[in-house]
């Protein structure tokens, strides 16, 4: 049996794949940039791509695109006689006012003030070191670097889990409403004790999916005797190897832990992602625990290693 890839090799591979995406963005800045197409360039599922992108570059996909467009706009203001409204339209803003607000937030000057100064730097802060350049080329691929706060994940073998679940569609910060109804049902069925595990399946990344379309399943483990009832369904969380890390604190900050695990720990791990969703296990109850004391294990599925 041959050895798998080293951690250094895998990190380099993730960077190379992401750089292919960055080149496409730079070269097609005025074209529709679909998440699915960019994820395919990186050989990642759309479900996981955004967290890898954010973890490696330090900015969201749309934040990266907006920054490059603003940097290009700064160049137009310094080097051309284009009217500000034309520069705004090219940057993707429908109104002069919206462009001016975004530009001032980035550069500290209004577009007209920036044009009058002309000596200002046309680059915005970017941890990845990738900036807009005319011609669509990136000067130095080596500037891409991982963040310095990589989470300490561990590998964990998980057995398949049969769960009863109730689907929530909408923002993650509203899932408590689904849990309230679900727990009322579970209590009536006598399913709240006996070592039941409380889990959540996160189907969508809130940095990508519109809030009203985010899917989340509130789950509790059940045995083979349980049958679906109305809006309460049954599914099996796949077994296999997962990257696991523990999140301490409010649920509202779970996204930060996911981004660090998927975007920073994973590229250093020597492993690849599977396409199935992430899930999380709630180890104490928000009904009796202060938000700062909540403990949640997050699980990210890993593809099988090749022999």
Protein backbone atom coordinates (compact mmCIF):
# COMPACT_ATOMS: atom_id res chain seq x y z
CA UNK A 1 0.00 0.00 0.00
CA UNK A 2 1.38 3.40 -0.93
CA UNK A 3 1.45 6.26 1.52
CA UNK A 4 -1.09 9.04 1.24
CA UNK A 5 -0.16 12.64 0.44
CA UNK A 6 1.80 14.58 3.04
CA UNK A 7 0.18 17.49 4.85
CA UNK A 8 2.51 19.94 3.11
CA UNK A 9 1.60 18.46 -0.27
CA UNK A 10 -2.12 18.72 0.42
CA UNK A 11 -1.84 22.32 1.60
CA UNK A 12 0.05 23.18 -1.59
CA UNK A 13 -2.64 21.39 -3.61
CA UNK A 14 -5.43 23.38 -1.95
CA UNK A 15 -3.56 26.61 -2.65
CA UNK A 16 -3.01 25.68 -6.30
CA UNK A 17 -6.69 24.86 -6.76
CA UNK A 18 -7.75 28.09 -5.12
CA UNK A 19 -5.34 30.10 -7.23
CA UNK A 20 -7.04 28.71 -10.35
CA UNK A 21 -10.24 30.26 -9.00
CA UNK A 22 -8.55 33.58 -8.23
CA UNK A 23 -7.21 33.79 -11.78
CA UNK A 24 -10.68 33.13 -13.22
CA UNK A 25 -12.16 35.86 -11.01
CA UNK A 26 -9.46 38.32 -12.07
CA UNK A 27 -9.90 37.54 -15.75
CA UNK A 28 -13.72 37.48 -15.72
CA UNK A 29 -14.43 40.25 -13.24
CA UNK A 30 -17.30 41.67 -15.32
CA UNK A 31 -18.97 38.34 -15.98
CA UNK A 32 -21.45 36.44 -13.81
CA UNK A 33 -19.33 34.32 -11.46
CA UNK A 34 -21.43 31.34 -10.38
CA UNK A 35 -20.52 29.57 -7.17
CA UNK A 36 -20.98 26.16 -8.81
CA UNK A 37 -18.53 26.99 -11.62
CA UNK A 38 -15.88 28.36 -9.28
CA UNK A 39 -16.23 25.39 -6.93
CA UNK A 40 -15.76 23.04 -9.88
CA UNK A 41 -12.52 24.86 -10.78
CA UNK A 42 -11.28 24.09 -7.26
CA UNK A 43 -12.51 20.47 -7.43
CA UNK A 44 -14.68 21.08 -4.36
CA UNK A 45 -18.40 20.76 -3.77
CA UNK A 46 -20.27 24.08 -3.62
CA UNK A 47 -21.32 23.06 -0.10
CA UNK A 48 -17.74 23.28 1.19
CA UNK A 49 -16.04 25.60 -1.32
CA UNK A 50 -16.95 28.89 0.32
CA UNK A 51 -15.54 27.92 3.72
CA UNK A 52 -12.27 26.76 2.14
CA UNK A 53 -12.07 30.00 0.15
CA UNK A 54 -12.71 32.16 3.21
CA UNK A 55 -10.33 30.20 5.39
CA UNK A 56 -7.44 30.48 2.93
CA UNK A 57 -7.95 34.05 1.72
CA UNK A 58 -9.38 35.72 4.81
CA UNK A 59 -12.37 37.15 2.94
CA UNK A 60 -15.62 35.83 1.56
CA UNK A 61 -15.98 35.08 -2.13
CA UNK A 62 -18.24 38.06 -2.77
CA UNK A 63 -16.10 40.26 -0.53
CA UNK A 64 -13.06 39.34 -2.66
CA UNK A 65 -14.91 40.12 -5.89
CA UNK A 66 -16.23 43.45 -4.55
CA UNK A 67 -12.74 44.45 -3.36
CA UNK A 68 -11.16 43.74 -6.76
CA UNK A 69 -13.87 45.74 -8.49
CA UNK A 70 -13.31 48.67 -6.12
CA UNK A 71 -9.55 48.50 -6.69
CA UNK A 72 -10.14 48.56 -10.44
CA UNK A 73 -12.49 51.51 -9.95
CA UNK A 74 -9.75 53.34 -8.04
CA UNK A 75 -7.47 52.86 -11.03
CA UNK A 76 -10.14 54.20 -13.39
CA UNK A 77 -10.53 57.31 -11.24
CA UNK A 78 -6.78 57.97 -11.17
CA UNK A 79 -5.90 57.16 -14.77
CA UNK A 80 -8.98 57.91 -16.87
CA UNK A 81 -11.48 60.68 -17.46
CA UNK A 82 -14.48 58.40 -17.09
CA UNK A 83 -17.42 60.03 -15.29
CA UNK A 84 -17.86 58.65 -11.77
CA UNK A 85 -21.22 57.18 -12.71
CA UNK A 86 -19.59 55.15 -15.50
CA UNK A 87 -16.94 53.87 -13.08
CA UNK A 88 -19.74 52.95 -10.64
CA UNK A 89 -21.65 50.96 -13.28
CA UNK A 90 -18.52 49.04 -14.30
CA UNK A 91 -17.92 48.19 -10.64
CA UNK A 92 -21.38 46.64 -10.44
CA UNK A 93 -23.22 49.42 -8.60
CA UNK A 94 -26.57 50.58 -9.89
CA UNK A 95 -26.36 54.08 -8.43
CA UNK A 96 -23.72 56.73 -7.91
CA UNK A 97 -24.73 56.94 -4.23
CA UNK A 98 -24.23 53.23 -3.50
CA UNK A 99 -20.84 53.27 -5.20
CA UNK A 100 -19.75 56.38 -3.31
CA UNK A 101 -20.68 54.81 0.05
CA UNK A 102 -18.80 51.60 -0.73
CA UNK A 103 -15.78 53.46 -2.10
CA UNK A 104 -15.51 55.77 0.89
CA UNK A 105 -15.88 52.84 3.28
CA UNK A 106 -12.90 51.19 1.57
CA UNK A 107 -10.60 54.11 0.77
CA UNK A 108 -11.66 56.74 3.28
CA UNK A 109 -12.33 59.24 0.49
CA UNK A 110 -15.23 59.89 -1.84
CA UNK A 111 -14.60 59.00 -5.52
CA UNK A 112 -14.22 62.67 -6.44
CA UNK A 113 -11.83 63.33 -3.52
CA UNK A 114 -9.79 60.28 -4.47
CA UNK A 115 -9.59 61.42 -8.10
CA UNK A 116 -8.46 64.88 -7.04
CA UNK A 117 -5.74 63.44 -4.80
CA UNK A 118 -4.50 60.95 -7.44
CA UNK A 119 -1.52 59.90 -5.34
CA UNK A 120 -3.57 57.60 -3.11
CA UNK A 121 -2.83 53.88 -2.97
CA UNK A 122 -5.28 51.89 -5.11
CA UNK A 123 -5.14 48.78 -2.94
CA UNK A 124 -7.36 47.74 -0.07
CA UNK A 125 -6.21 45.56 2.85
CA UNK A 126 -6.18 41.88 1.83
CA UNK A 127 -4.65 39.07 3.87
CA UNK A 128 -4.27 36.88 0.79
CA UNK A 129 -2.10 39.47 -0.96
CA UNK A 130 -4.05 39.19 -4.24
CA UNK A 131 -4.91 42.56 -5.78
CA UNK A 132 -6.44 43.75 -9.02
CA UNK A 133 -4.07 44.12 -11.96
CA UNK A 134 -4.82 45.21 -15.51
CA UNK A 135 -4.57 42.34 -17.94
CA UNK A 136 -6.04 39.75 -15.61
CA UNK A 137 -2.73 38.29 -14.41
CA UNK A 138 -1.63 37.64 -10.85
CA UNK A 139 1.92 38.77 -10.24
CA UNK A 140 2.92 36.32 -7.53
CA UNK A 141 1.08 33.11 -6.67
CA UNK A 142 3.21 32.71 -3.54
CA UNK A 143 1.43 35.57 -1.81
CA UNK A 144 -1.53 33.33 -0.95
CA UNK A 145 -1.14 32.14 2.62
CA UNK A 146 -3.22 30.44 5.28
CA UNK A 147 -4.44 32.22 8.36
CA UNK A 148 -2.44 31.97 11.54
CA UNK A 149 -5.31 30.79 13.77
CA UNK A 150 -5.85 27.28 12.48
CA UNK A 151 -8.18 25.27 14.68
CA UNK A 152 -7.03 22.05 16.35
CA UNK A 153 -9.27 19.50 14.69
CA UNK A 154 -9.15 15.75 15.27
CA UNK A 155 -10.09 12.79 13.11
CA UNK A 156 -13.03 10.79 14.41
CA UNK A 157 -14.71 7.62 13.11
CA UNK A 158 -18.49 8.00 13.30
CA UNK A 159 -21.01 5.16 13.08
CA UNK A 160 -24.16 5.76 11.00
CA UNK A 161 -26.87 7.40 13.11
CA UNK A 162 -30.61 6.99 12.54
CA UNK A 163 -32.34 10.21 13.50
CA UNK A 164 -35.80 11.69 13.65
CA UNK A 165 -35.70 15.21 12.29
CA UNK A 166 -37.72 18.35 11.68
CA UNK A 167 -36.71 20.58 8.77
CA UNK A 168 -36.19 24.32 9.26
CA UNK A 169 -35.98 26.65 6.24
CA UNK A 170 -34.76 30.13 7.04
CA UNK A 171 -31.97 31.92 8.95
CA UNK A 172 -29.94 29.83 11.36
CA UNK A 173 -30.65 32.27 14.18
CA UNK A 174 -34.32 31.21 14.02
CA UNK A 175 -33.83 27.45 14.38
CA UNK A 176 -34.84 27.63 18.05
CA UNK A 177 -38.44 27.96 16.87
CA UNK A 178 -38.15 24.61 15.08
CA UNK A 179 -36.45 23.05 18.09
CA UNK A 180 -39.28 24.24 20.37
CA UNK A 181 -41.90 22.44 18.26
CA UNK A 182 -39.67 19.41 17.76
CA UNK A 183 -38.94 19.01 21.49
CA UNK A 184 -42.64 19.26 22.30
CA UNK A 185 -43.23 16.33 19.95
CA UNK A 186 -40.26 14.40 21.35
CA UNK A 187 -41.50 14.87 24.89
CA UNK A 188 -44.91 13.46 24.05
CA UNK A 189 -43.25 10.46 22.41
CA UNK A 190 -40.92 9.87 25.35
CA UNK A 191 -37.81 10.39 23.21
CA UNK A 192 -36.02 13.03 25.28
CA UNK A 193 -34.23 10.62 27.63
CA UNK A 194 -32.38 7.35 27.35
CA UNK A 195 -29.13 8.74 26.02
CA UNK A 196 -30.61 10.42 22.93
CA UNK A 197 -28.15 12.65 21.10
CA UNK A 198 -29.23 16.09 19.90
CA UNK A 199 -27.80 17.00 16.50
CA UNK A 200 -28.18 19.57 13.77
CA UNK A 201 -27.51 19.01 10.06
CA UNK A 202 -26.38 22.18 8.34
CA UNK A 203 -27.11 21.87 4.63
CA UNK A 204 -26.18 25.41 3.55
CA UNK A 205 -23.49 28.00 4.14
CA UNK A 206 -25.12 31.28 5.30
CA UNK A 207 -22.37 33.26 3.54
CA UNK A 208 -23.63 31.87 0.23
CA UNK A 209 -27.28 30.82 0.50
CA UNK A 210 -29.97 33.54 0.85
CA UNK A 211 -31.28 33.57 4.44
CA UNK A 212 -34.82 32.53 3.47
CA UNK A 213 -33.51 29.41 1.67
CA UNK A 214 -31.10 28.04 4.30
CA UNK A 215 -31.91 24.42 5.24
CA UNK A 216 -31.30 22.96 8.67
CA UNK A 217 -32.50 19.69 10.23
CA UNK A 218 -33.07 19.50 13.98
CA UNK A 219 -32.33 15.86 14.84
CA UNK A 220 -32.43 13.38 17.70
CA UNK A 221 -31.17 9.81 17.52
CA UNK A 222 -33.87 7.09 17.45
CA UNK A 223 -33.91 3.30 17.11
CA UNK A 224 -35.42 1.21 14.34
CA UNK A 225 -38.87 1.21 15.97
CA UNK A 226 -39.49 4.90 15.30
CA UNK A 227 -41.53 5.73 12.21
CA UNK A 228 -42.02 9.08 10.42
CA UNK A 229 -45.03 11.08 11.57
CA UNK A 230 -46.31 14.10 9.65
CA UNK A 231 -43.60 16.75 9.46
CA UNK A 232 -41.25 14.58 11.53
CA UNK A 233 -39.07 12.55 9.15
CA UNK A 234 -36.37 9.92 9.50
CA UNK A 235 -32.91 9.88 7.92
CA UNK A 236 -29.50 8.34 8.51
CA UNK A 237 -26.46 10.53 9.08
CA UNK A 238 -23.71 8.75 7.12
CA UNK A 239 -20.97 7.00 9.01
CA UNK A 240 -17.32 7.38 8.16
CA UNK A 241 -14.38 9.54 9.08
CA UNK A 242 -15.01 13.13 10.10
CA UNK A 243 -12.91 16.09 11.13
CA UNK A 244 -14.23 17.16 14.52
CA UNK A 245 -13.63 20.22 16.64
CA UNK A 246 -15.33 21.59 19.73
CA UNK A 247 -16.88 25.04 19.67
CA UNK A 248 -17.21 26.83 23.01
CA UNK A 249 -19.66 29.70 23.27
CA UNK A 250 -22.73 31.13 21.51
CA UNK A 251 -24.28 29.36 18.55
CA UNK A 252 -24.12 32.68 16.69
CA UNK A 253 -20.34 32.22 16.37
CA UNK A 254 -20.43 28.65 15.07
CA UNK A 255 -19.71 29.93 11.56
CA UNK A 256 -16.28 31.16 12.69
CA UNK A 257 -15.38 27.68 13.96
CA UNK A 258 -16.56 26.06 10.72
CA UNK A 259 -14.47 28.46 8.64
CA UNK A 260 -11.36 27.77 10.71
CA UNK A 261 -11.84 23.99 10.65
CA UNK A 262 -12.65 23.73 6.93
CA UNK A 263 -10.58 26.62 5.62
CA UNK A 264 -7.47 26.40 7.78
CA UNK A 265 -7.14 23.04 9.54
CA UNK A 266 -8.31 20.91 6.62
CA UNK A 267 -5.77 22.10 4.00
CA UNK A 268 -3.00 21.21 6.45
CA UNK A 269 -4.46 17.82 7.34
CA UNK A 270 -3.65 15.78 4.25
CA UNK A 271 -7.35 14.99 3.76
CA UNK A 272 -10.11 15.83 1.26
CA UNK A 273 -13.74 16.72 1.94
CA UNK A 274 -16.66 14.41 1.23
CA UNK A 275 -19.72 15.93 -0.43
CA UNK A 276 -22.20 15.15 2.38
CA UNK A 277 -23.32 17.91 4.79
CA UNK A 278 -21.66 18.88 8.05
CA UNK A 279 -23.44 18.24 11.31
CA UNK A 280 -23.11 19.40 14.89
CA UNK A 281 -23.86 17.85 18.28
CA UNK A 282 -25.17 19.96 21.16
CA UNK A 283 -23.59 18.78 24.41
CA UNK A 284 -25.61 21.01 26.73
CA UNK A 285 -28.93 22.81 26.53
CA UNK A 286 -29.44 26.51 25.73
CA UNK A 287 -32.49 26.35 28.01
CA UNK A 288 -30.32 25.87 31.10
CA UNK A 289 -26.89 27.12 29.94
CA UNK A 290 -25.62 30.66 29.40
CA UNK A 291 -24.58 31.30 25.77
CA UNK A 292 -20.91 31.69 26.74
CA UNK A 293 -20.94 28.22 28.33
CA UNK A 294 -22.52 26.31 25.43
CA UNK A 295 -20.48 23.41 24.05
CA UNK A 296 -20.96 22.13 20.51
CA UNK A 297 -18.99 19.51 18.60
CA UNK A 298 -18.87 20.24 14.85
CA UNK A 299 -18.27 17.45 12.34
CA UNK A 300 -17.05 17.83 8.75
CA UNK A 301 -17.19 14.71 6.50
CA UNK A 302 -13.95 13.47 4.95
CA UNK A 303 -13.52 11.49 1.75
CA UNK A 304 -12.03 8.01 2.04
CA UNK A 305 -8.28 7.93 1.63
CA UNK A 306 -7.01 6.34 -1.54
CA UNK A 307 -4.82 3.25 -1.08
